Amino acid sequence: MGFLEFSNDIQRLVADYGTLVYALMFLWTFFEGETFVIFAGAAAQQGTLHFWSLLLVAWFGSFSGDQMWFWLGRRYGTRILEKRPKWRGGVDGALEMLKRYDTWFILSFRFIYGVRNFASFAMGMARVHPLRFAVLNFVAAFVWALSFAGFGYMFGHALEAAMGDIAHNFLYIMLGVFAVSSTIVYLVHRRQAKKSAARAAAAAAETAKDKLAAD
């Protein structure tokens, strides 16, 4: 689906259903919806949608979705993982990043592809304090909504005029940049952690060796 086609679809939805379109956006962002929010931001720039209404809907939709996954993880995490063992890798990855980066991870997990789908669930399992998670999640959801809706609003018209159908692929490229950047950061920190663990193991072995020599 190209940029113009998607924009026309949003205009058609607004014409047919009016403000119910915002309810659809809430449900979409409840689960994910980065690309949808970008296109909706572009539609707002064209006057089809109200930007601040879009921002609020995307903000609270994203916030509510992750709150739900948090509480599912907190109350039923172990039971759910027993039924869905394929989730284990994603959950373990999210828990590892939470252990290393703590607050920064809670604020940024929406932009880290590969673990974001499991992050809130994992944080519930990790017994992060509910109030602390809710406050940080509220802030992070705002940043997420503003970033993607704002991008669509600021550059949607230019992309439509200059690139037409190619704009759709360009937006996916932008999301891919987020994914690659996040992966590089993760791999660098993982390598540093391995080096630190190796140094700690070597120091422990040396200490043990000195102790045996003293005995």
N, C-alpha and C. Protein backbone atom coordinates (compact mmCIF):
# COMPACT_ATOMS: atom_id res chain seq x y z
N MET A 1 0.84 -1.19 0.00
CA MET A 1 0.00 0.00 0.00
C MET A 1 0.87 1.24 0.00
N GLY A 2 0.63 2.15 -0.96
CA GLY A 2 1.43 3.34 -1.05
C GLY A 2 0.95 4.45 -0.13
N PHE A 3 1.74 5.51 -0.09
CA PHE A 3 1.44 6.63 0.80
C PHE A 3 0.09 7.25 0.45
N LEU A 4 -0.11 7.56 -0.83
CA LEU A 4 -1.35 8.21 -1.25
C LEU A 4 -2.55 7.31 -1.00
N GLU A 5 -2.39 6.03 -1.26
CA GLU A 5 -3.49 5.09 -1.05
C GLU A 5 -3.88 5.03 0.42
N PHE A 6 -2.87 4.97 1.30
CA PHE A 6 -3.15 4.91 2.73
C PHE A 6 -3.81 6.21 3.19
N SER A 7 -3.31 7.33 2.71
CA SER A 7 -3.89 8.62 3.06
C SER A 7 -5.35 8.69 2.63
N ASN A 8 -5.64 8.20 1.43
CA ASN A 8 -7.01 8.18 0.94
C ASN A 8 -7.89 7.26 1.79
N ASP A 9 -7.31 6.14 2.25
CA ASP A 9 -8.07 5.24 3.11
C ASP A 9 -8.45 5.91 4.42
N ILE A 10 -7.52 6.67 5.01
CA ILE A 10 -7.83 7.39 6.24
C ILE A 10 -8.93 8.42 6.00
N GLN A 11 -8.83 9.14 4.89
CA GLN A 11 -9.87 10.12 4.57
C GLN A 11 -11.23 9.44 4.41
N ARG A 12 -11.23 8.26 3.81
CA ARG A 12 -12.47 7.51 3.62
C ARG A 12 -13.05 7.06 4.96
N LEU A 13 -12.15 6.60 5.86
CA LEU A 13 -12.59 6.18 7.18
C LEU A 13 -13.20 7.34 7.95
N VAL A 14 -12.55 8.51 7.87
CA VAL A 14 -13.07 9.68 8.57
C VAL A 14 -14.43 10.08 8.00
N ALA A 15 -14.56 10.02 6.67
CA ALA A 15 -15.83 10.38 6.03
C ALA A 15 -16.94 9.42 6.42
N ASP A 16 -16.59 8.14 6.55
CA ASP A 16 -17.61 7.12 6.84
C ASP A 16 -17.95 7.02 8.32
N TYR A 17 -16.93 7.18 9.18
CA TYR A 17 -17.13 6.90 10.60
C TYR A 17 -16.85 8.08 11.52
N GLY A 18 -16.36 9.18 11.00
CA GLY A 18 -16.13 10.35 11.83
C GLY A 18 -15.16 10.09 12.96
N THR A 19 -15.56 10.50 14.16
CA THR A 19 -14.66 10.40 15.31
C THR A 19 -14.41 8.96 15.76
N LEU A 20 -15.18 8.00 15.24
CA LEU A 20 -14.92 6.60 15.58
C LEU A 20 -13.55 6.15 15.09
N VAL A 21 -12.99 6.89 14.13
CA VAL A 21 -11.64 6.58 13.64
C VAL A 21 -10.64 6.65 14.79
N TYR A 22 -10.84 7.57 15.71
CA TYR A 22 -9.92 7.69 16.84
C TYR A 22 -9.99 6.46 17.75
N ALA A 23 -11.17 5.86 17.84
CA ALA A 23 -11.30 4.62 18.61
C ALA A 23 -10.49 3.51 17.95
N LEU A 24 -10.52 3.47 16.61
CA LEU A 24 -9.73 2.50 15.87
C LEU A 24 -8.24 2.72 16.13
N MET A 25 -7.82 3.97 16.15
CA MET A 25 -6.42 4.29 16.41
C MET A 25 -6.01 3.87 17.82
N PHE A 26 -6.91 4.05 18.77
CA PHE A 26 -6.61 3.62 20.13
C PHE A 26 -6.35 2.11 20.16
N LEU A 27 -7.22 1.34 19.51
CA LEU A 27 -7.06 -0.12 19.49
C LEU A 27 -5.78 -0.51 18.77
N TRP A 28 -5.46 0.20 17.68
CA TRP A 28 -4.26 -0.11 16.90
C TRP A 28 -3.01 0.13 17.75
N THR A 29 -2.94 1.28 18.40
CA THR A 29 -1.76 1.60 19.20
C THR A 29 -1.73 0.82 20.51
N PHE A 30 -2.85 0.27 20.91
CA PHE A 30 -2.90 -0.58 22.10
C PHE A 30 -1.93 -1.76 21.93
N PHE A 31 -1.78 -2.20 20.69
CA PHE A 31 -0.89 -3.33 20.41
C PHE A 31 0.46 -2.88 19.86
N GLU A 32 0.48 -2.04 18.83
CA GLU A 32 1.74 -1.47 18.32
C GLU A 32 1.42 -0.26 17.47
N GLY A 33 1.62 -0.38 16.15
CA GLY A 33 1.12 0.64 15.25
C GLY A 33 2.00 1.81 14.92
N GLU A 34 3.35 1.65 14.92
CA GLU A 34 4.21 2.78 14.59
C GLU A 34 3.91 3.36 13.21
N THR A 35 3.84 2.47 12.22
CA THR A 35 3.63 2.93 10.85
C THR A 35 2.27 3.60 10.71
N PHE A 36 1.26 3.03 11.34
CA PHE A 36 -0.07 3.62 11.29
C PHE A 36 -0.07 5.03 11.87
N VAL A 37 0.64 5.22 12.98
CA VAL A 37 0.70 6.54 13.62
C VAL A 37 1.42 7.55 12.72
N ILE A 38 2.46 7.11 12.03
CA ILE A 38 3.16 8.00 11.10
C ILE A 38 2.22 8.46 9.99
N PHE A 39 1.49 7.53 9.40
CA PHE A 39 0.57 7.89 8.33
C PHE A 39 -0.57 8.77 8.85
N ALA A 40 -1.04 8.47 10.06
CA ALA A 40 -2.09 9.29 10.65
C ALA A 40 -1.59 10.70 10.91
N GLY A 41 -0.32 10.83 11.32
CA GLY A 41 0.27 12.15 11.50
C GLY A 41 0.31 12.92 10.19
N ALA A 42 0.62 12.22 9.11
CA ALA A 42 0.62 12.86 7.79
C ALA A 42 -0.79 13.30 7.41
N ALA A 43 -1.79 12.47 7.75
CA ALA A 43 -3.18 12.83 7.47
C ALA A 43 -3.59 14.06 8.27
N ALA A 44 -3.07 14.18 9.50
CA ALA A 44 -3.36 15.35 10.33
C ALA A 44 -2.76 16.61 9.70
N GLN A 45 -1.59 16.47 9.11
CA GLN A 45 -0.95 17.61 8.45
C GLN A 45 -1.80 18.10 7.28
N GLN A 46 -2.52 17.18 6.64
CA GLN A 46 -3.39 17.52 5.51
C GLN A 46 -4.76 18.00 5.97
N GLY A 47 -5.00 17.95 7.28
CA GLY A 47 -6.28 18.43 7.79
C GLY A 47 -7.35 17.36 7.92
N THR A 48 -7.02 16.13 7.57
CA THR A 48 -8.00 15.05 7.65
C THR A 48 -8.30 14.68 9.10
N LEU A 49 -7.27 14.73 9.94
CA LEU A 49 -7.41 14.41 11.36
C LEU A 49 -6.91 15.58 12.19
N HIS A 50 -7.31 15.59 13.46
CA HIS A 50 -6.84 16.61 14.38
C HIS A 50 -5.59 16.09 15.07
N PHE A 51 -4.47 16.82 14.94
CA PHE A 51 -3.20 16.29 15.40
C PHE A 51 -3.20 16.01 16.90
N TRP A 52 -3.70 16.95 17.72
CA TRP A 52 -3.62 16.77 19.16
C TRP A 52 -4.53 15.64 19.63
N SER A 53 -5.64 15.44 18.95
CA SER A 53 -6.50 14.29 19.27
C SER A 53 -5.79 12.99 18.92
N LEU A 54 -5.13 12.98 17.76
CA LEU A 54 -4.35 11.81 17.36
C LEU A 54 -3.26 11.52 18.38
N LEU A 55 -2.54 12.56 18.81
CA LEU A 55 -1.46 12.38 19.77
C LEU A 55 -1.98 11.79 21.08
N LEU A 56 -3.09 12.31 21.59
CA LEU A 56 -3.65 11.80 22.84
C LEU A 56 -4.08 10.35 22.70
N VAL A 57 -4.73 10.03 21.58
CA VAL A 57 -5.20 8.66 21.37
C VAL A 57 -4.03 7.69 21.29
N ALA A 58 -3.00 8.06 20.51
CA ALA A 58 -1.83 7.19 20.39
C ALA A 58 -1.11 7.04 21.72
N TRP A 59 -1.02 8.13 22.47
CA TRP A 59 -0.36 8.14 23.78
C TRP A 59 -1.06 7.17 24.74
N PHE A 60 -2.37 7.34 24.89
CA PHE A 60 -3.10 6.52 25.86
C PHE A 60 -3.31 5.10 25.36
N GLY A 61 -3.37 4.91 24.05
CA GLY A 61 -3.47 3.56 23.52
C GLY A 61 -2.22 2.76 23.81
N SER A 62 -1.06 3.36 23.54
CA SER A 62 0.21 2.69 23.79
C SER A 62 0.40 2.44 25.29
N PHE A 63 0.10 3.45 26.09
CA PHE A 63 0.22 3.32 27.55
C PHE A 63 -0.66 2.19 28.07
N SER A 64 -1.90 2.15 27.65
CA SER A 64 -2.84 1.14 28.14
C SER A 64 -2.44 -0.27 27.73
N GLY A 65 -1.96 -0.41 26.49
CA GLY A 65 -1.54 -1.73 26.03
C GLY A 65 -0.41 -2.30 26.86
N ASP A 66 0.59 -1.47 27.15
CA ASP A 66 1.72 -1.97 27.93
C ASP A 66 1.36 -2.17 29.40
N GLN A 67 0.40 -1.40 29.90
CA GLN A 67 -0.07 -1.66 31.26
C GLN A 67 -0.74 -3.03 31.34
N MET A 68 -1.49 -3.37 30.31
CA MET A 68 -2.13 -4.68 30.29
C MET A 68 -1.11 -5.80 30.30
N TRP A 69 -0.08 -5.69 29.44
CA TRP A 69 0.94 -6.74 29.38
C TRP A 69 1.73 -6.81 30.69
N PHE A 70 1.94 -5.67 31.32
CA PHE A 70 2.64 -5.66 32.61
C PHE A 70 1.87 -6.47 33.65
N TRP A 71 0.58 -6.24 33.75
CA TRP A 71 -0.20 -6.94 34.75
C TRP A 71 -0.38 -8.42 34.42
N LEU A 72 -0.44 -8.75 33.13
CA LEU A 72 -0.48 -10.16 32.75
C LEU A 72 0.80 -10.86 33.19
N GLY A 73 1.95 -10.18 32.97
CA GLY A 73 3.22 -10.76 33.40
C GLY A 73 3.32 -10.87 34.90
N ARG A 74 2.82 -9.88 35.61
CA ARG A 74 2.92 -9.87 37.07
C ARG A 74 2.07 -10.96 37.70
N ARG A 75 0.89 -11.19 37.16
CA ARG A 75 -0.05 -12.12 37.79
C ARG A 75 0.02 -13.54 37.21
N TYR A 76 0.26 -13.62 35.90
CA TYR A 76 0.17 -14.94 35.26
C TYR A 76 1.41 -15.28 34.44
N GLY A 77 2.52 -14.56 34.65
CA GLY A 77 3.69 -14.72 33.79
C GLY A 77 4.20 -16.14 33.68
N THR A 78 4.44 -16.80 34.80
CA THR A 78 4.98 -18.16 34.78
C THR A 78 4.02 -19.12 34.09
N ARG A 79 2.76 -18.98 34.38
CA ARG A 79 1.75 -19.86 33.79
C ARG A 79 1.66 -19.67 32.28
N ILE A 80 1.73 -18.41 31.84
CA ILE A 80 1.66 -18.13 30.40
C ILE A 80 2.88 -18.68 29.68
N LEU A 81 4.07 -18.52 30.28
CA LEU A 81 5.29 -19.02 29.65
C LEU A 81 5.28 -20.53 29.53
N GLU A 82 4.66 -21.21 30.47
CA GLU A 82 4.55 -22.67 30.38
C GLU A 82 3.74 -23.08 29.16
N LYS A 83 2.74 -22.27 28.82
CA LYS A 83 1.90 -22.57 27.66
C LYS A 83 2.49 -22.04 26.36
N ARG A 84 3.36 -21.02 26.47
CA ARG A 84 3.98 -20.42 25.28
C ARG A 84 5.50 -20.37 25.46
N PRO A 85 6.16 -21.52 25.41
CA PRO A 85 7.61 -21.56 25.64
C PRO A 85 8.41 -20.78 24.60
N LYS A 86 7.84 -20.52 23.43
CA LYS A 86 8.55 -19.75 22.40
C LYS A 86 8.78 -18.31 22.84
N TRP A 87 8.03 -17.86 23.83
CA TRP A 87 8.21 -16.50 24.32
C TRP A 87 9.44 -16.37 25.22
N ARG A 88 9.98 -17.51 25.67
CA ARG A 88 11.02 -17.48 26.68
C ARG A 88 12.23 -16.65 26.25
N GLY A 89 12.67 -16.80 24.99
CA GLY A 89 13.84 -16.07 24.52
C GLY A 89 13.63 -14.56 24.58
N GLY A 90 12.47 -14.10 24.10
CA GLY A 90 12.18 -12.68 24.13
C GLY A 90 12.07 -12.13 25.54
N VAL A 91 11.43 -12.90 26.42
CA VAL A 91 11.28 -12.48 27.81
C VAL A 91 12.64 -12.41 28.49
N ASP A 92 13.48 -13.43 28.28
CA ASP A 92 14.81 -13.43 28.89
C ASP A 92 15.65 -12.26 28.40
N GLY A 93 15.53 -11.95 27.10
CA GLY A 93 16.27 -10.80 26.56
C GLY A 93 15.82 -9.50 27.20
N ALA A 94 14.52 -9.34 27.37
CA ALA A 94 14.00 -8.13 28.01
C ALA A 94 14.44 -8.04 29.47
N LEU A 95 14.44 -9.17 30.17
CA LEU A 95 14.86 -9.17 31.57
C LEU A 95 16.34 -8.82 31.71
N GLU A 96 17.15 -9.30 30.77
CA GLU A 96 18.58 -8.99 30.80
C GLU A 96 18.82 -7.50 30.60
N MET A 97 18.09 -6.90 29.66
CA MET A 97 18.25 -5.47 29.40
C MET A 97 17.70 -4.64 30.56
N LEU A 98 16.63 -5.12 31.19
CA LEU A 98 16.11 -4.44 32.37
C LEU A 98 17.13 -4.46 33.50
N LYS A 99 17.81 -5.59 33.67
CA LYS A 99 18.82 -5.72 34.72
C LYS A 99 19.98 -4.76 34.49
N ARG A 100 20.36 -4.56 33.23
CA ARG A 100 21.51 -3.72 32.92
C ARG A 100 21.18 -2.23 32.92
N TYR A 101 20.03 -1.88 32.38
CA TYR A 101 19.75 -0.47 32.14
C TYR A 101 18.62 0.09 32.98
N ASP A 102 17.85 -0.76 33.61
CA ASP A 102 16.81 -0.36 34.58
C ASP A 102 15.90 0.74 34.02
N THR A 103 15.96 1.93 34.59
CA THR A 103 15.04 3.00 34.23
C THR A 103 15.12 3.35 32.76
N TRP A 104 16.33 3.41 32.21
CA TRP A 104 16.48 3.76 30.80
C TRP A 104 15.81 2.74 29.89
N PHE A 105 15.83 1.50 30.28
CA PHE A 105 15.17 0.48 29.47
C PHE A 105 13.65 0.67 29.49
N ILE A 106 13.09 0.97 30.66
CA ILE A 106 11.65 1.18 30.75
C ILE A 106 11.23 2.37 29.88
N LEU A 107 12.08 3.39 29.83
CA LEU A 107 11.77 4.59 29.04
C LEU A 107 11.94 4.38 27.54
N SER A 108 12.77 3.42 27.16
CA SER A 108 13.13 3.31 25.74
C SER A 108 12.72 2.01 25.06
N PHE A 109 12.11 1.07 25.77
CA PHE A 109 11.88 -0.25 25.16
C PHE A 109 10.98 -0.21 23.94
N ARG A 110 10.13 0.82 23.82
CA ARG A 110 9.25 0.92 22.64
C ARG A 110 10.04 1.09 21.35
N PHE A 111 11.27 1.60 21.47
CA PHE A 111 12.09 1.85 20.29
C PHE A 111 13.10 0.72 20.04
N ILE A 112 13.06 -0.33 20.86
CA ILE A 112 14.03 -1.43 20.73
C ILE A 112 13.31 -2.64 20.16
N TYR A 113 13.48 -2.88 18.89
CA TYR A 113 12.77 -3.95 18.22
C TYR A 113 13.41 -5.30 18.55
N GLY A 114 12.55 -6.28 18.72
CA GLY A 114 13.01 -7.62 19.09
C GLY A 114 12.69 -7.96 20.52
N VAL A 115 12.63 -6.93 21.39
CA VAL A 115 12.28 -7.19 22.79
C VAL A 115 11.05 -6.39 23.22
N ARG A 116 10.65 -5.37 22.44
CA ARG A 116 9.56 -4.51 22.89
C ARG A 116 8.26 -5.26 23.08
N ASN A 117 8.02 -6.31 22.27
CA ASN A 117 6.79 -7.06 22.40
C ASN A 117 6.71 -7.83 23.72
N PHE A 118 7.85 -8.07 24.34
CA PHE A 118 7.89 -8.85 25.58
C PHE A 118 8.25 -7.99 26.79
N ALA A 119 8.65 -6.74 26.56
CA ALA A 119 9.23 -5.94 27.63
C ALA A 119 8.29 -5.72 28.80
N SER A 120 7.09 -5.24 28.55
CA SER A 120 6.16 -4.96 29.64
C SER A 120 5.80 -6.24 30.39
N PHE A 121 5.58 -7.31 29.64
CA PHE A 121 5.28 -8.61 30.24
C PHE A 121 6.42 -9.05 31.15
N ALA A 122 7.66 -8.90 30.66
CA ALA A 122 8.83 -9.30 31.45
C ALA A 122 8.99 -8.45 32.69
N MET A 123 8.71 -7.15 32.57
CA MET A 123 8.85 -6.27 33.73
C MET A 123 7.81 -6.59 34.80
N GLY A 124 6.64 -7.05 34.38
CA GLY A 124 5.66 -7.51 35.35
C GLY A 124 6.16 -8.74 36.08
N MET A 125 6.77 -9.67 35.34
CA MET A 125 7.34 -10.87 35.96
C MET A 125 8.49 -10.53 36.90
N ALA A 126 9.24 -9.48 36.57
CA ALA A 126 10.39 -9.08 37.38
C ALA A 126 9.97 -8.33 38.64
N ARG A 127 8.67 -8.14 38.82
CA ARG A 127 8.13 -7.49 40.02
C ARG A 127 8.57 -6.03 40.14
N VAL A 128 8.72 -5.36 38.98
CA VAL A 128 8.93 -3.92 39.02
C VAL A 128 7.74 -3.30 39.74
N HIS A 129 7.96 -2.31 40.59
CA HIS A 129 6.86 -1.71 41.34
C HIS A 129 5.82 -1.14 40.38
N PRO A 130 4.55 -1.47 40.57
CA PRO A 130 3.51 -1.02 39.63
C PRO A 130 3.44 0.49 39.43
N LEU A 131 3.57 1.26 40.51
CA LEU A 131 3.49 2.71 40.38
C LEU A 131 4.69 3.25 39.59
N ARG A 132 5.86 2.72 39.87
CA ARG A 132 7.06 3.15 39.16
C ARG A 132 6.94 2.84 37.67
N PHE A 133 6.48 1.65 37.35
CA PHE A 133 6.32 1.29 35.94
C PHE A 133 5.28 2.18 35.27
N ALA A 134 4.16 2.42 35.95
CA ALA A 134 3.09 3.22 35.36
C ALA A 134 3.57 4.64 35.04
N VAL A 135 4.32 5.26 35.96
CA VAL A 135 4.80 6.62 35.74
C VAL A 135 5.77 6.66 34.57
N LEU A 136 6.74 5.75 34.55
CA LEU A 136 7.73 5.73 33.48
C LEU A 136 7.09 5.34 32.15
N ASN A 137 6.15 4.42 32.20
CA ASN A 137 5.45 4.01 30.99
C ASN A 137 4.62 5.15 30.43
N PHE A 138 4.04 5.95 31.30
CA PHE A 138 3.24 7.10 30.87
C PHE A 138 4.10 8.11 30.12
N VAL A 139 5.28 8.37 30.66
CA VAL A 139 6.21 9.30 30.01
C VAL A 139 6.71 8.73 28.68
N ALA A 140 7.08 7.46 28.70
CA ALA A 140 7.62 6.83 27.49
C ALA A 140 6.58 6.76 26.38
N ALA A 141 5.33 6.49 26.74
CA ALA A 141 4.27 6.42 25.74
C ALA A 141 4.06 7.78 25.07
N PHE A 142 4.20 8.86 25.85
CA PHE A 142 4.08 10.20 25.28
C PHE A 142 5.20 10.46 24.28
N VAL A 143 6.43 10.12 24.65
CA VAL A 143 7.57 10.33 23.76
C VAL A 143 7.39 9.54 22.47
N TRP A 144 6.94 8.30 22.61
CA TRP A 144 6.70 7.43 21.44
C TRP A 144 5.66 8.04 20.52
N ALA A 145 4.52 8.44 21.07
CA ALA A 145 3.43 8.99 20.26
C ALA A 145 3.84 10.28 19.58
N LEU A 146 4.51 11.15 20.33
CA LEU A 146 4.95 12.41 19.76
C LEU A 146 5.99 12.21 18.66
N SER A 147 6.88 11.24 18.84
CA SER A 147 7.94 10.99 17.85
C SER A 147 7.35 10.56 16.52
N PHE A 148 6.47 9.56 16.53
CA PHE A 148 5.96 9.01 15.27
C PHE A 148 4.87 9.88 14.66
N ALA A 149 3.95 10.38 15.49
CA ALA A 149 2.92 11.27 14.95
C ALA A 149 3.55 12.56 14.46
N GLY A 150 4.53 13.07 15.22
CA GLY A 150 5.21 14.30 14.82
C GLY A 150 5.98 14.14 13.53
N PHE A 151 6.63 12.98 13.36
CA PHE A 151 7.36 12.74 12.12
C PHE A 151 6.40 12.75 10.93
N GLY A 152 5.28 12.05 11.06
CA GLY A 152 4.31 12.04 9.98
C GLY A 152 3.76 13.41 9.68
N TYR A 153 3.52 14.19 10.74
CA TYR A 153 2.95 15.53 10.56
C TYR A 153 3.95 16.46 9.88
N MET A 154 5.21 16.39 10.28
CA MET A 154 6.20 17.32 9.75
C MET A 154 6.65 16.98 8.33
N PHE A 155 6.74 15.67 8.05
CA PHE A 155 7.34 15.27 6.77
C PHE A 155 6.38 14.56 5.82
N GLY A 156 5.16 14.34 6.25
CA GLY A 156 4.21 13.61 5.41
C GLY A 156 3.96 14.29 4.08
N HIS A 157 3.73 15.58 4.08
CA HIS A 157 3.44 16.30 2.84
C HIS A 157 4.65 16.27 1.90
N ALA A 158 5.84 16.45 2.46
CA ALA A 158 7.04 16.43 1.63
C ALA A 158 7.26 15.05 1.02
N LEU A 159 7.03 14.02 1.83
CA LEU A 159 7.20 12.66 1.32
C LEU A 159 6.20 12.37 0.22
N GLU A 160 4.96 12.81 0.41
CA GLU A 160 3.93 12.59 -0.61
C GLU A 160 4.28 13.29 -1.90
N ALA A 161 4.73 14.54 -1.80
CA ALA A 161 5.02 15.32 -2.99
C ALA A 161 6.26 14.82 -3.72
N ALA A 162 7.27 14.38 -2.97
CA ALA A 162 8.55 14.04 -3.58
C ALA A 162 8.66 12.58 -3.98
N MET A 163 7.97 11.70 -3.25
CA MET A 163 8.25 10.28 -3.43
C MET A 163 7.01 9.43 -3.69
N GLY A 164 5.84 9.91 -3.40
CA GLY A 164 4.65 9.14 -3.68
C GLY A 164 4.67 7.80 -2.99
N ASP A 165 4.52 6.73 -3.78
CA ASP A 165 4.45 5.38 -3.23
C ASP A 165 5.75 4.98 -2.53
N ILE A 166 6.87 5.59 -2.92
CA ILE A 166 8.14 5.22 -2.30
C ILE A 166 8.17 5.63 -0.84
N ALA A 167 7.35 6.59 -0.46
CA ALA A 167 7.34 7.07 0.92
C ALA A 167 7.04 5.95 1.90
N HIS A 168 6.18 5.04 1.49
CA HIS A 168 5.83 3.92 2.39
C HIS A 168 7.08 3.12 2.74
N ASN A 169 7.89 2.82 1.72
CA ASN A 169 9.12 2.08 1.96
C ASN A 169 10.12 2.93 2.75
N PHE A 170 10.14 4.22 2.50
CA PHE A 170 11.06 5.08 3.24
C PHE A 170 10.76 5.05 4.73
N LEU A 171 9.50 5.03 5.09
CA LEU A 171 9.13 5.01 6.50
C LEU A 171 9.56 3.70 7.15
N TYR A 172 9.46 2.61 6.40
CA TYR A 172 9.95 1.34 6.93
C TYR A 172 11.46 1.38 7.11
N ILE A 173 12.14 2.07 6.21
CA ILE A 173 13.60 2.22 6.35
C ILE A 173 13.92 2.97 7.64
N MET A 174 13.13 4.01 7.92
CA MET A 174 13.35 4.77 9.15
C MET A 174 13.20 3.87 10.38
N LEU A 175 12.17 3.04 10.36
CA LEU A 175 11.97 2.12 11.47
C LEU A 175 13.12 1.12 11.54
N GLY A 176 13.63 0.75 10.37
CA GLY A 176 14.76 -0.18 10.34
C GLY A 176 16.00 0.43 10.96
N VAL A 177 16.17 1.75 10.78
CA VAL A 177 17.31 2.44 11.39
C VAL A 177 17.24 2.34 12.90
N PHE A 178 16.03 2.50 13.46
CA PHE A 178 15.85 2.33 14.90
C PHE A 178 16.28 0.94 15.32
N ALA A 179 15.85 -0.06 14.54
CA ALA A 179 16.14 -1.45 14.90
C ALA A 179 17.63 -1.73 14.85
N VAL A 180 18.30 -1.28 13.78
CA VAL A 180 19.73 -1.53 13.63
C VAL A 180 20.51 -0.82 14.73
N SER A 181 20.15 0.44 15.00
CA SER A 181 20.85 1.19 16.04
C SER A 181 20.72 0.52 17.40
N SER A 182 19.51 0.08 17.70
CA SER A 182 19.27 -0.58 18.99
C SER A 182 20.06 -1.88 19.09
N THR A 183 20.13 -2.62 17.97
CA THR A 183 20.86 -3.89 17.96
C THR A 183 22.35 -3.66 18.18
N ILE A 184 22.89 -2.63 17.54
CA ILE A 184 24.32 -2.33 17.69
C ILE A 184 24.64 -1.99 19.14
N VAL A 185 23.80 -1.14 19.75
CA VAL A 185 24.01 -0.78 21.15
C VAL A 185 23.96 -2.01 22.04
N TYR A 186 22.98 -2.86 21.78
CA TYR A 186 22.83 -4.07 22.58
C TYR A 186 24.06 -4.98 22.45
N LEU A 187 24.54 -5.17 21.22
CA LEU A 187 25.68 -6.06 21.00
C LEU A 187 26.96 -5.51 21.61
N VAL A 188 27.13 -4.18 21.52
CA VAL A 188 28.32 -3.57 22.13
C VAL A 188 28.32 -3.76 23.63
N HIS A 189 27.20 -3.51 24.26
CA HIS A 189 27.11 -3.68 25.71
C HIS A 189 27.24 -5.14 26.11
N ARG A 190 26.72 -6.03 25.27
CA ARG A 190 26.84 -7.46 25.55
C ARG A 190 28.30 -7.89 25.50
N ARG A 191 29.03 -7.38 24.52
CA ARG A 191 30.45 -7.72 24.40
C ARG A 191 31.23 -7.19 25.59
N GLN A 192 30.89 -5.97 26.01
CA GLN A 192 31.58 -5.40 27.16
C GLN A 192 31.28 -6.19 28.42
N ALA A 193 30.03 -6.65 28.54
CA ALA A 193 29.66 -7.45 29.71
C ALA A 193 30.43 -8.77 29.74
N LYS A 194 30.61 -9.39 28.57
CA LYS A 194 31.35 -10.64 28.50
C LYS A 194 32.81 -10.42 28.90
N LYS A 195 33.38 -9.31 28.44
CA LYS A 195 34.77 -9.01 28.80
C LYS A 195 34.90 -8.79 30.30
N SER A 196 33.93 -8.08 30.88
CA SER A 196 33.96 -7.84 32.31
C SER A 196 33.84 -9.14 33.09
N ALA A 197 32.97 -10.04 32.61
CA ALA A 197 32.79 -11.33 33.27
C ALA A 197 34.06 -12.16 33.18
N ALA A 198 34.73 -12.10 32.01
CA ALA A 198 35.98 -12.85 31.83
C ALA A 198 37.07 -12.33 32.76
N ARG A 199 37.15 -11.00 32.88
CA ARG A 199 38.14 -10.43 33.78
C ARG A 199 37.86 -10.80 35.23
N ALA A 200 36.58 -10.81 35.60
CA ALA A 200 36.21 -11.18 36.96
C ALA A 200 36.55 -12.63 37.24
N ALA A 201 36.31 -13.51 36.25
CA ALA A 201 36.62 -14.92 36.40
C ALA A 201 38.13 -15.13 36.53
N ALA A 202 38.89 -14.39 35.73
CA ALA A 202 40.34 -14.51 35.79
C ALA A 202 40.87 -14.03 37.14
N ALA A 203 40.30 -12.95 37.65
CA ALA A 203 40.72 -12.43 38.95
C ALA A 203 40.39 -13.42 40.06
N ALA A 204 39.21 -14.04 39.95
CA ALA A 204 38.82 -15.03 40.96
C ALA A 204 39.73 -16.24 40.92
N ALA A 205 40.11 -16.66 39.71
CA ALA A 205 41.00 -17.81 39.57
C ALA A 205 42.38 -17.49 40.14
N GLU A 206 42.85 -16.27 39.91
CA GLU A 206 44.15 -15.85 40.43
C GLU A 206 44.13 -15.80 41.96
N THR A 207 43.02 -15.32 42.50
CA THR A 207 42.89 -15.27 43.96
C THR A 207 42.90 -16.66 44.56
N ALA A 208 42.17 -17.58 43.91
CA ALA A 208 42.13 -18.95 44.37
C ALA A 208 43.51 -19.59 44.31
N LYS A 209 44.24 -19.27 43.24
CA LYS A 209 45.57 -19.82 43.06
C LYS A 209 46.53 -19.33 44.15
N ASP A 210 46.41 -18.03 44.46
CA ASP A 210 47.26 -17.45 45.52
C ASP A 210 46.93 -18.06 46.89
N LYS A 211 45.65 -18.33 47.09
CA LYS A 211 45.23 -18.92 48.36
C LYS A 211 45.78 -20.33 48.52
N LEU A 212 45.73 -21.10 47.42
CA LEU A 212 46.29 -22.46 47.47
C LEU A 212 47.79 -22.42 47.72
N ALA A 213 48.48 -21.46 47.08
CA ALA A 213 49.92 -21.35 47.25
C ALA A 213 50.25 -21.00 48.70
N ALA A 214 49.43 -20.13 49.31
CA ALA A 214 49.68 -19.74 50.69
C ALA A 214 49.46 -20.90 51.66
N ASP A 215 48.47 -21.75 51.32
CA ASP A 215 48.20 -22.92 52.17
C ASP A 215 49.33 -23.93 52.07
